[in-house]
């Protein structure tokens, strides 16, 4: 028992030290950013990002790279922040602003209105936020169902019953949203082009036919990642082709 207590105490101390280090590093990064020392801010924020995923740190990196006129990396980190916290208006605003600085103007292919509506709703919150809503709805359902069982008035019993059924529907909906978003994040590989200009090929080979050119900051969706040096990608307007793996960074 004493051995386990020592192990737990050691872990708690390590966590406390890590938290203190992270807080100090963020304070240093924020101070450097405020003073316009963006190179130092970049280094500190990158160290923080390696300690764990954080929408705040990713957002700060996006802002830092934007100030450094590195638009491609700015878009990359704003995209990472948006994936972690899609409901944050500041992240979305700054992502749109960074995108406006990129060269390519790609018109997204048309989607059925209900697909666009579903995707917009799904992306309005993060996976954890949908899970919290599902948990809250489940708690409300239990309370209302308990009221239905213990209350004696007919009117209150009806209200409690139908309220609990409505809460159950919300539990199901919120869980579907959380599962769909997690599945999308896990299975949908996306990246941002980092090279100034990339010729997209018809085949995974330098001798392949040139299809079109995309530039730094453009978002791609990876369709085939099975080859060693090449990936098949699709861009927002539906065009498909092959690019080398060293021309982009994954979101």
C-alpha atoms as a PDB file:
ATOM      1  CA  UNK A   1       0.000   0.000   0.000  1.00  0.00           C
ATOM      2  CA  UNK A   2       2.835   2.360   0.908  1.00  0.00           C
ATOM      3  CA  UNK A   3       4.492   1.625  -2.451  1.00  0.00           C
ATOM      4  CA  UNK A   4       1.352   2.605  -4.372  1.00  0.00           C
ATOM      5  CA  UNK A   5       0.962   5.775  -2.292  1.00  0.00           C
ATOM      6  CA  UNK A   6       4.518   6.809  -3.201  1.00  0.00           C
ATOM      7  CA  UNK A   7       3.845   6.152  -6.894  1.00  0.00           C
ATOM      8  CA  UNK A   8       0.627   8.196  -6.819  1.00  0.00           C
ATOM      9  CA  UNK A   9       2.333  11.023  -4.929  1.00  0.00           C
ATOM     10  CA  UNK A  10       5.188  11.050  -7.454  1.00  0.00           C
ATOM     11  CA  UNK A  11       2.719  11.236 -10.336  1.00  0.00           C
ATOM     12  CA  UNK A  12       0.829  14.108  -8.695  1.00  0.00           C
ATOM     13  CA  UNK A  13       4.065  16.029  -8.089  1.00  0.00           C
ATOM     14  CA  UNK A  14       5.120  15.452 -11.724  1.00  0.00           C
ATOM     15  CA  UNK A  15       1.766  16.709 -12.975  1.00  0.00           C
ATOM     16  CA  UNK A  16       1.994  19.777 -10.764  1.00  0.00           C
ATOM     17  CA  UNK A  17       5.509  20.545 -12.035  1.00  0.00           C
ATOM     18  CA  UNK A  18       4.409  20.070 -15.662  1.00  0.00           C
ATOM     19  CA  UNK A  19       1.439  22.380 -15.138  1.00  0.00           C
ATOM     20  CA  UNK A  20       3.694  25.003 -13.563  1.00  0.00           C
ATOM     21  CA  UNK A  21       6.186  24.702 -16.432  1.00  0.00           C
ATOM     22  CA  UNK A  22       3.396  25.039 -19.000  1.00  0.00           C
ATOM     23  CA  UNK A  23       1.960  28.091 -17.227  1.00  0.00           C
ATOM     24  CA  UNK A  24       5.382  29.727 -17.093  1.00  0.00           C
ATOM     25  CA  UNK A  25       6.093  28.940 -20.728  1.00  0.00           C
ATOM     26  CA  UNK A  26       2.741  30.370 -21.824  1.00  0.00           C
ATOM     27  CA  UNK A  27       3.374  33.532 -19.807  1.00  0.00           C
ATOM     28  CA  UNK A  28       6.741  33.924 -21.535  1.00  0.00           C
ATOM     29  CA  UNK A  29       5.162  33.301 -24.962  1.00  0.00           C
ATOM     30  CA  UNK A  30       2.351  35.794 -24.352  1.00  0.00           C
ATOM     31  CA  UNK A  31       4.846  38.434 -23.193  1.00  0.00           C
ATOM     32  CA  UNK A  32       7.035  37.881 -26.262  1.00  0.00           C
ATOM     33  CA  UNK A  33       4.009  38.158 -28.558  1.00  0.00           C
ATOM     34  CA  UNK A  34       2.907  41.406 -26.876  1.00  0.00           C
ATOM     35  CA  UNK A  35       6.402  42.865 -27.394  1.00  0.00           C
ATOM     36  CA  UNK A  36       6.451  41.852 -31.064  1.00  0.00           C
ATOM     37  CA  UNK A  37       9.119  39.193 -30.556  1.00  0.00           C
ATOM     38  CA  UNK A  38       7.238  36.697 -32.703  1.00  0.00           C
ATOM     39  CA  UNK A  39      10.168  34.339 -33.198  1.00  0.00           C
ATOM     40  CA  UNK A  40      10.474  33.766 -29.447  1.00  0.00           C
ATOM     41  CA  UNK A  41       6.690  33.505 -29.112  1.00  0.00           C
ATOM     42  CA  UNK A  42       6.677  30.892 -31.870  1.00  0.00           C
ATOM     43  CA  UNK A  43       9.321  28.796 -30.113  1.00  0.00           C
ATOM     44  CA  UNK A  44       7.486  28.898 -26.776  1.00  0.00           C
ATOM     45  CA  UNK A  45       4.062  28.136 -28.261  1.00  0.00           C
ATOM     46  CA  UNK A  46       5.521  25.210 -30.240  1.00  0.00           C
ATOM     47  CA  UNK A  47       6.975  23.770 -27.024  1.00  0.00           C
ATOM     48  CA  UNK A  48       3.540  24.140 -25.416  1.00  0.00           C
ATOM     49  CA  UNK A  49       1.863  22.404 -28.362  1.00  0.00           C
ATOM     50  CA  UNK A  50       4.108  19.364 -27.823  1.00  0.00           C
ATOM     51  CA  UNK A  51       2.876  19.099 -24.212  1.00  0.00           C
ATOM     52  CA  UNK A  52      -0.669  18.416 -25.394  1.00  0.00           C
ATOM     53  CA  UNK A  53      -3.360  19.563 -27.795  1.00  0.00           C
ATOM     54  CA  UNK A  54      -4.880  22.938 -26.955  1.00  0.00           C
ATOM     55  CA  UNK A  55      -7.153  25.144 -29.034  1.00  0.00           C
ATOM     56  CA  UNK A  56      -5.759  28.223 -27.250  1.00  0.00           C
ATOM     57  CA  UNK A  57      -2.127  27.375 -28.032  1.00  0.00           C
ATOM     58  CA  UNK A  58      -3.005  26.460 -31.638  1.00  0.00           C
ATOM     59  CA  UNK A  59      -4.903  29.735 -31.998  1.00  0.00           C
ATOM     60  CA  UNK A  60      -1.960  31.704 -30.575  1.00  0.00           C
ATOM     61  CA  UNK A  61       0.386  29.994 -33.027  1.00  0.00           C
ATOM     62  CA  UNK A  62      -1.959  30.905 -35.860  1.00  0.00           C
ATOM     63  CA  UNK A  63      -1.875  34.539 -34.764  1.00  0.00           C
ATOM     64  CA  UNK A  64       1.921  34.446 -34.380  1.00  0.00           C
ATOM     65  CA  UNK A  65       2.504  33.075 -37.868  1.00  0.00           C
ATOM     66  CA  UNK A  66       0.033  35.589 -39.292  1.00  0.00           C
ATOM     67  CA  UNK A  67       2.101  38.392 -37.741  1.00  0.00           C
ATOM     68  CA  UNK A  68       5.208  36.779 -39.246  1.00  0.00           C
ATOM     69  CA  UNK A  69       3.519  36.774 -42.691  1.00  0.00           C
ATOM     70  CA  UNK A  70       3.731  32.988 -42.830  1.00  0.00           C
ATOM     71  CA  UNK A  71       0.184  32.565 -44.095  1.00  0.00           C
ATOM     72  CA  UNK A  72       0.407  28.835 -44.820  1.00  0.00           C
ATOM     73  CA  UNK A  73       1.383  27.980 -41.241  1.00  0.00           C
ATOM     74  CA  UNK A  74      -1.116  30.506 -39.932  1.00  0.00           C
ATOM     75  CA  UNK A  75      -3.917  28.687 -41.786  1.00  0.00           C
ATOM     76  CA  UNK A  76      -2.567  25.337 -40.568  1.00  0.00           C
ATOM     77  CA  UNK A  77      -2.665  26.289 -36.888  1.00  0.00           C
ATOM     78  CA  UNK A  78      -6.016  28.070 -37.123  1.00  0.00           C
ATOM     79  CA  UNK A  79      -7.399  24.890 -38.743  1.00  0.00           C
ATOM     80  CA  UNK A  80      -5.994  22.825 -35.874  1.00  0.00           C
ATOM     81  CA  UNK A  81      -7.565  25.219 -33.378  1.00  0.00           C
ATOM     82  CA  UNK A  82     -10.910  25.046 -35.194  1.00  0.00           C
ATOM     83  CA  UNK A  83     -10.830  21.249 -35.131  1.00  0.00           C
ATOM     84  CA  UNK A  84     -10.349  21.324 -31.346  1.00  0.00           C
ATOM     85  CA  UNK A  85     -12.944  24.071 -30.745  1.00  0.00           C
ATOM     86  CA  UNK A  86     -15.196  24.591 -33.791  1.00  0.00           C
ATOM     87  CA  UNK A  87     -17.625  26.793 -31.844  1.00  0.00           C
ATOM     88  CA  UNK A  88     -15.072  29.570 -31.162  1.00  0.00           C
ATOM     89  CA  UNK A  89     -15.985  32.638 -33.247  1.00  0.00           C
ATOM     90  CA  UNK A  90     -12.527  34.218 -32.875  1.00  0.00           C
ATOM     91  CA  UNK A  91     -10.874  31.135 -34.339  1.00  0.00           C
ATOM     92  CA  UNK A  92     -13.285  31.074 -37.276  1.00  0.00           C
ATOM     93  CA  UNK A  93     -12.875  34.799 -37.926  1.00  0.00           C
ATOM     94  CA  UNK A  94      -9.079  34.621 -37.922  1.00  0.00           C
ATOM     95  CA  UNK A  95      -9.090  31.464 -40.034  1.00  0.00           C
ATOM     96  CA  UNK A  96     -11.219  33.224 -42.656  1.00  0.00           C
ATOM     97  CA  UNK A  97      -8.908  36.235 -42.510  1.00  0.00           C
ATOM     98  CA  UNK A  98      -5.825  34.049 -43.043  1.00  0.00           C
ATOM     99  CA  UNK A  99      -7.529  32.195 -45.903  1.00  0.00           C
ATOM    100  CA  UNK A 100      -8.254  35.530 -47.594  1.00  0.00           C
ATOM    101  CA  UNK A 101      -4.485  36.054 -47.851  1.00  0.00           C
ATOM    102  CA  UNK A 102      -3.896  32.831 -49.813  1.00  0.00           C
ATOM    103  CA  UNK A 103      -3.499  32.801 -53.591  1.00  0.00           C
ATOM    104  CA  UNK A 104      -6.030  30.177 -54.630  1.00  0.00           C
ATOM    105  CA  UNK A 105      -9.701  31.109 -54.867  1.00  0.00           C
ATOM    106  CA  UNK A 106     -11.483  27.775 -54.945  1.00  0.00           C
ATOM    107  CA  UNK A 107     -15.261  27.606 -55.150  1.00  0.00           C
ATOM    108  CA  UNK A 108     -16.490  24.632 -53.086  1.00  0.00           C
ATOM    109  CA  UNK A 109     -18.575  22.104 -54.977  1.00  0.00           C
ATOM    110  CA  UNK A 110     -22.301  22.251 -54.384  1.00  0.00           C
ATOM    111  CA  UNK A 111     -23.799  20.016 -51.702  1.00  0.00           C
ATOM    112  CA  UNK A 112     -27.412  19.104 -51.037  1.00  0.00           C
ATOM    113  CA  UNK A 113     -28.831  21.648 -48.594  1.00  0.00           C
ATOM    114  CA  UNK A 114     -29.533  19.078 -45.882  1.00  0.00           C
ATOM    115  CA  UNK A 115     -25.950  17.773 -46.054  1.00  0.00           C
ATOM    116  CA  UNK A 116     -24.610  21.325 -45.690  1.00  0.00           C
ATOM    117  CA  UNK A 117     -27.026  21.951 -42.813  1.00  0.00           C
ATOM    118  CA  UNK A 118     -26.025  18.716 -41.054  1.00  0.00           C
ATOM    119  CA  UNK A 119     -22.304  19.426 -41.436  1.00  0.00           C
ATOM    120  CA  UNK A 120     -22.719  23.002 -40.182  1.00  0.00           C
ATOM    121  CA  UNK A 121     -24.636  21.764 -37.142  1.00  0.00           C
ATOM    122  CA  UNK A 122     -22.118  18.987 -36.440  1.00  0.00           C
ATOM    123  CA  UNK A 123     -19.175  21.391 -36.680  1.00  0.00           C
ATOM    124  CA  UNK A 124     -20.808  24.019 -34.474  1.00  0.00           C
ATOM    125  CA  UNK A 125     -19.473  22.251 -31.341  1.00  0.00           C
ATOM    126  CA  UNK A 126     -16.537  20.020 -30.425  1.00  0.00           C
ATOM    127  CA  UNK A 127     -16.802  16.297 -29.660  1.00  0.00           C
ATOM    128  CA  UNK A 128     -16.504  16.942 -25.917  1.00  0.00           C
ATOM    129  CA  UNK A 129     -19.169  19.664 -26.036  1.00  0.00           C
ATOM    130  CA  UNK A 130     -21.627  17.340 -27.800  1.00  0.00           C
ATOM    131  CA  UNK A 131     -20.815  14.684 -25.194  1.00  0.00           C
ATOM    132  CA  UNK A 132     -21.493  17.145 -22.359  1.00  0.00           C
ATOM    133  CA  UNK A 133     -24.859  18.022 -23.897  1.00  0.00           C
ATOM    134  CA  UNK A 134     -25.708  14.324 -24.210  1.00  0.00           C
ATOM    135  CA  UNK A 135     -24.837  13.796 -20.550  1.00  0.00           C
ATOM    136  CA  UNK A 136     -26.920  16.800 -19.487  1.00  0.00           C
ATOM    137  CA  UNK A 137     -29.883  15.635 -21.571  1.00  0.00           C
ATOM    138  CA  UNK A 138     -29.600  12.162 -20.031  1.00  0.00           C
ATOM    139  CA  UNK A 139     -29.659  13.667 -16.526  1.00  0.00           C
ATOM    140  CA  UNK A 140     -32.763  15.702 -17.403  1.00  0.00           C
ATOM    141  CA  UNK A 141     -34.403  12.569 -18.800  1.00  0.00           C
ATOM    142  CA  UNK A 142     -33.780  10.682 -15.545  1.00  0.00           C
ATOM    143  CA  UNK A 143     -35.216  13.532 -13.450  1.00  0.00           C
ATOM    144  CA  UNK A 144     -38.320  13.791 -15.614  1.00  0.00           C
ATOM    145  CA  UNK A 145     -38.837  10.043 -15.682  1.00  0.00           C
ATOM    146  CA  UNK A 146     -38.484   9.960 -11.897  1.00  0.00           C
ATOM    147  CA  UNK A 147     -41.080  12.730 -11.663  1.00  0.00           C
ATOM    148  CA  UNK A 148     -43.379  10.681 -13.901  1.00  0.00           C
ATOM    149  CA  UNK A 149     -43.091   7.716 -11.540  1.00  0.00           C
ATOM    150  CA  UNK A 150     -43.534   9.578  -8.246  1.00  0.00           C
ATOM    151  CA  UNK A 151     -45.929  12.411  -9.102  1.00  0.00           C
ATOM    152  CA  UNK A 152     -49.639  11.762  -8.639  1.00  0.00           C
ATOM    153  CA  UNK A 153     -51.291  14.474 -10.746  1.00  0.00           C
ATOM    154  CA  UNK A 154     -52.328  13.294 -14.238  1.00  0.00           C
ATOM    155  CA  UNK A 155     -51.262  16.548 -15.933  1.00  0.00           C
ATOM    156  CA  UNK A 156     -47.805  16.552 -14.299  1.00  0.00           C
ATOM    157  CA  UNK A 157     -47.323  12.872 -15.093  1.00  0.00           C
ATOM    158  CA  UNK A 158     -48.086  13.550 -18.782  1.00  0.00           C
ATOM    159  CA  UNK A 159     -45.725  16.521 -18.877  1.00  0.00           C
ATOM    160  CA  UNK A 160     -42.979  14.509 -17.178  1.00  0.00           C
ATOM    161  CA  UNK A 161     -43.437  11.522 -19.470  1.00  0.00           C
ATOM    162  CA  UNK A 162     -43.384  13.441 -22.739  1.00  0.00           C
ATOM    163  CA  UNK A 163     -40.548  15.611 -21.421  1.00  0.00           C
ATOM    164  CA  UNK A 164     -38.482  12.523 -20.651  1.00  0.00           C
ATOM    165  CA  UNK A 165     -39.165  11.126 -24.136  1.00  0.00           C
ATOM    166  CA  UNK A 166     -38.097  14.432 -25.710  1.00  0.00           C
ATOM    167  CA  UNK A 167     -34.950  14.392 -23.572  1.00  0.00           C
ATOM    168  CA  UNK A 168     -34.236  10.860 -24.795  1.00  0.00           C
ATOM    169  CA  UNK A 169     -34.419  12.085 -28.388  1.00  0.00           C
ATOM    170  CA  UNK A 170     -31.889  14.812 -27.533  1.00  0.00           C
ATOM    171  CA  UNK A 171     -29.632  12.216 -25.872  1.00  0.00           C
ATOM    172  CA  UNK A 172     -29.677  10.182 -29.091  1.00  0.00           C
ATOM    173  CA  UNK A 173     -29.154  13.256 -31.312  1.00  0.00           C
ATOM    174  CA  UNK A 174     -26.242  14.632 -29.273  1.00  0.00           C
ATOM    175  CA  UNK A 175     -24.556  11.225 -29.158  1.00  0.00           C
ATOM    176  CA  UNK A 176     -24.929  10.872 -32.933  1.00  0.00           C
ATOM    177  CA  UNK A 177     -23.351  14.316 -33.360  1.00  0.00           C
ATOM    178  CA  UNK A 178     -20.433  13.432 -31.075  1.00  0.00           C
ATOM    179  CA  UNK A 179     -19.885  10.071 -32.774  1.00  0.00           C
ATOM    180  CA  UNK A 180     -20.149  11.560 -36.303  1.00  0.00           C
ATOM    181  CA  UNK A 181     -17.699  14.347 -35.513  1.00  0.00           C
ATOM    182  CA  UNK A 182     -15.206  11.989 -33.858  1.00  0.00           C
ATOM    183  CA  UNK A 183     -15.474   9.597 -36.791  1.00  0.00           C
ATOM    184  CA  UNK A 184     -14.923  12.484 -39.203  1.00  0.00           C
ATOM    185  CA  UNK A 185     -11.871  13.719 -37.300  1.00  0.00           C
ATOM    186  CA  UNK A 186     -10.393  10.221 -37.017  1.00  0.00           C
ATOM    187  CA  UNK A 187     -10.995   9.130 -40.616  1.00  0.00           C
ATOM    188  CA  UNK A 188     -10.790  12.371 -42.592  1.00  0.00           C
ATOM    189  CA  UNK A 189      -7.133  13.288 -43.126  1.00  0.00           C
ATOM    190  CA  UNK A 190      -6.662  16.903 -44.167  1.00  0.00           C
ATOM    191  CA  UNK A 191      -3.621  19.031 -44.799  1.00  0.00           C
ATOM    192  CA  UNK A 192      -2.403  22.484 -45.762  1.00  0.00           C
ATOM    193  CA  UNK A 193      -0.047  23.037 -48.693  1.00  0.00           C
ATOM    194  CA  UNK A 194       3.266  24.505 -47.484  1.00  0.00           C
ATOM    195  CA  UNK A 195       5.195  24.822 -50.751  1.00  0.00           C
ATOM    196  CA  UNK A 196       4.796  28.091 -52.716  1.00  0.00           C
ATOM    197  CA  UNK A 197       3.340  26.263 -55.746  1.00  0.00           C
ATOM    198  CA  UNK A 198       2.524  22.580 -56.270  1.00  0.00           C
ATOM    199  CA  UNK A 199       1.738  20.895 -59.580  1.00  0.00           C
ATOM    200  CA  UNK A 200      -0.910  18.231 -59.015  1.00  0.00           C
ATOM    201  CA  UNK A 201      -0.257  15.120 -61.116  1.00  0.00           C
ATOM    202  CA  UNK A 202      -2.571  12.592 -62.745  1.00  0.00           C
ATOM    203  CA  UNK A 203      -0.466   9.703 -61.405  1.00  0.00           C
ATOM    204  CA  UNK A 204       1.883   9.311 -58.415  1.00  0.00           C
ATOM    205  CA  UNK A 205       4.974  10.007 -60.488  1.00  0.00           C
ATOM    206  CA  UNK A 206       6.951  13.039 -61.644  1.00  0.00           C
ATOM    207  CA  UNK A 207       6.301  12.020 -65.250  1.00  0.00           C
ATOM    208  CA  UNK A 208       2.536  12.086 -64.720  1.00  0.00           C
ATOM    209  CA  UNK A 209       0.371  14.602 -66.558  1.00  0.00           C
ATOM    210  CA  UNK A 210       0.110  18.047 -64.973  1.00  0.00           C
ATOM    211  CA  UNK A 211      -3.522  18.568 -63.957  1.00  0.00           C
ATOM    212  CA  UNK A 212      -3.578  21.885 -62.083  1.00  0.00           C
ATOM    213  CA  UNK A 213      -1.531  24.012 -59.722  1.00  0.00           C
ATOM    214  CA  UNK A 214      -2.286  24.831 -56.077  1.00  0.00           C
ATOM    215  CA  UNK A 215      -0.434  27.199 -53.793  1.00  0.00           C
ATOM    216  CA  UNK A 216       0.610  27.490 -50.158  1.00  0.00           C
ATOM    217  CA  UNK A 217      -2.241  27.770 -47.688  1.00  0.00           C
ATOM    218  CA  UNK A 218      -4.662  25.684 -49.758  1.00  0.00           C
ATOM    219  CA  UNK A 219      -6.528  22.978 -47.860  1.00  0.00           C
ATOM    220  CA  UNK A 220      -6.515  19.421 -49.202  1.00  0.00           C
ATOM    221  CA  UNK A 221      -8.342  16.240 -48.215  1.00  0.00           C
ATOM    222  CA  UNK A 222      -6.212  13.098 -48.429  1.00  0.00           C
ATOM    223  CA  UNK A 223      -7.956  10.218 -50.184  1.00  0.00           C
ATOM    224  CA  UNK A 224      -5.124   7.692 -50.572  1.00  0.00           C
ATOM    225  CA  UNK A 225      -2.130   7.604 -48.240  1.00  0.00           C
ATOM    226  CA  UNK A 226      -0.891   4.093 -48.976  1.00  0.00           C
ATOM    227  CA  UNK A 227       2.129   5.004 -51.116  1.00  0.00           C
ATOM    228  CA  UNK A 228       5.488   5.938 -49.667  1.00  0.00           C
ATOM    229  CA  UNK A 229       6.081   9.366 -51.231  1.00  0.00           C
ATOM    230  CA  UNK A 230       2.781  10.354 -52.841  1.00  0.00           C
ATOM    231  CA  UNK A 231      -0.825  10.923 -51.720  1.00  0.00           C
ATOM    232  CA  UNK A 232      -4.016  11.287 -53.682  1.00  0.00           C
ATOM    233  CA  UNK A 233      -5.827  14.480 -52.699  1.00  0.00           C
ATOM    234  CA  UNK A 234      -9.046  16.295 -53.440  1.00  0.00           C
ATOM    235  CA  UNK A 235      -9.581  20.042 -53.107  1.00  0.00           C
ATOM    236  CA  UNK A 236     -12.765  21.920 -52.236  1.00  0.00           C
ATOM    237  CA  UNK A 237     -14.085  22.138 -55.815  1.00  0.00           C
ATOM    238  CA  UNK A 238     -13.799  18.362 -56.267  1.00  0.00           C
ATOM    239  CA  UNK A 239     -10.625  18.217 -58.368  1.00  0.00           C
ATOM    240  CA  UNK A 240      -8.515  15.137 -57.671  1.00  0.00           C
ATOM    241  CA  UNK A 241      -4.837  14.395 -58.232  1.00  0.00           C
ATOM    242  CA  UNK A 242      -1.540  13.304 -56.712  1.00  0.00           C
ATOM    243  CA  UNK A 243       1.032  15.358 -54.776  1.00  0.00           C
ATOM    244  CA  UNK A 244       4.216  14.492 -52.926  1.00  0.00           C
ATOM    245  CA  UNK A 245       4.017  14.064 -49.157  1.00  0.00           C
ATOM    246  CA  UNK A 246       6.675  16.687 -48.496  1.00  0.00           C
ATOM    247  CA  UNK A 247       4.607  19.607 -49.865  1.00  0.00           C
ATOM    248  CA  UNK A 248       1.995  19.743 -47.081  1.00  0.00           C
ATOM    249  CA  UNK A 249       1.471  19.355 -43.343  1.00  0.00           C
ATOM    250  CA  UNK A 250      -1.472  17.437 -41.907  1.00  0.00           C
ATOM    251  CA  UNK A 251      -4.036  19.253 -39.799  1.00  0.00           C
END
